[in-house]
Amino acid sequence: MHLKQYFQFKERNTNYTTEIIAGITTFLTMAYIIILNPSVLSKTGMDFDGVFFATIIASVVGCLFMGIFANYPIAIAPSLATNAYFAFVVVISMGIPWQEALGAVFISALIFLLLSLTSFRQAVINSIPSSMKEGISAGIGLFISFVGLQNAHIIVASPSTLVTLGNLTDPITYMSLLGIFISVVLIINNVRGALFLGMIIISIISFFFGYISLPDTIFNTPEFGNTFMQMDVIGAISHNLFTIIFTFFIVTLFDTTGTMLGIAKQAGLMKNNTFPNVQSAFLADSIASLVGAIFGTSPTSPYVESSSGVASGGRTGFSNIIVALLFILMLFAAPIAKVLAEVPAVTAPALIIVGFYMMSSLSRIDWNDMQEAFPAFLIFLLMPLSYSITDAVGIGIITYCLIKIFCGKFKQVHPLLYAFMLLFIIQFVAIQI
């Protein structure tokens, strides 16, 4: 079968040139993850080269599977939402070894894979009220931005008020502020790959000011590092990391579903308000997460940046193959990526701006309905303040269920949500004992 026929070029009114341009556009808008993901995860003690390699391999597998078998122009790579949770909450805050955290990622991905073959996945999605889904998304965005502000030294610890404004004369701070400004201006002017280009520009400026030293070699042969096959599944189970596994699963589920539906609608690929070939699309993400855990990275997710490729005319999985090929080329750029990742002014602006994008979810909450809005508000507020996505989601679910019960509307709550509430109550009680 000819490639044009396989990818349905005629049915989707596209051609090779359009798909190639779309693939390049998508890659440029999400290329920041190549630097940002190893930068975040290496703070846990994970080997930078290993995470760099895992990031690219997981992205390549996800993009190829999504492109070839699902035929969608939806790129996949490690998620910033879950890598921040993995690094700053699970490993750094909770003190769980990164090997066990990878084990939790592997189990979560395996569950996601199995549920993608059944209708239970849809039941879980339906059990969570839309207001809480939006609250979770916005809360993760605020959490990611908060981490970025800390890394940039814009927000620092304070013994009297917990946090305060940092020293604006600190080179890290003012260079990060400059990086934010550059990226925001590029985005406002609709420059393709604005985030990635912003990182490159601030890197060049930092180099001329002496804040970056070039490595001995810009390119080298890919290295596995020490993260390959290091996931500790037995450790994750024996240390009762079930709430962490649950959090990885829930965040990935919502992130994946929302992004896929949004991009499919944008591309005009929905049929009778349904998502054709959705099973293959979900399998692509779950397989990428499994591969990522094996090689050494946090869960993957479809990237909303794929919308830039769709806006450029991408309508088929062929554009995803282009994205995968470009990721493969980046395998040889680990030395320069490692240098850039160690400069907060390069990575912090991207974290802050990605968080900003996720905050748009707040506009879809009905703030006039307190029964729906208040639990979502708690989730959104508590994620950065408690430094825990799990605790925030748990408190939000418990609050939502209790409000519905005491308002006589308990029948409006999906039975699965009550099950989640009981699990979180047990977890919170166990922590206190």
Foldseek 3Di string as FASTA:
>chain_A
DDPCVQLVCVVLVHDDVLLLVLLVLLLLQPVLCLLQFLLQQCLLVADSLLLSLLQLVLQLLLLLLCFRPVWFLWGKTADPLFSLQLRQPVCVPVPDRSLQSLLLLLVLLVVLLVCLVDCVLVVVVVQDDLLQLLLLLLLSLVQLLVVLCVLLQQWDQDPVPRIDGGDCVPPSNVLLVVLLVQLVVCVVVVPRSSLSVSLVVSVVVCVVVPNFDADPDQWDARDLGPQAQSRDNVVNVVVVVVLSSVLLNVNQSSQAVVLVLVLCVLSVNDDPNHHPPVSSSSNSQSVSSNSSSNSPGHGMHTDNSSSSSSVSPNGTSVSSNSNSVVSVVCSGRSRRSNRSSVRSSSNSSVSNVSSVVSNVSNVVNDPVDCLSNVLSVQLSVCCNVVVHNSVSSLSSLLSSCVVCVVVVNNVVRDPVSVVSNVVSVVVVVVVVD
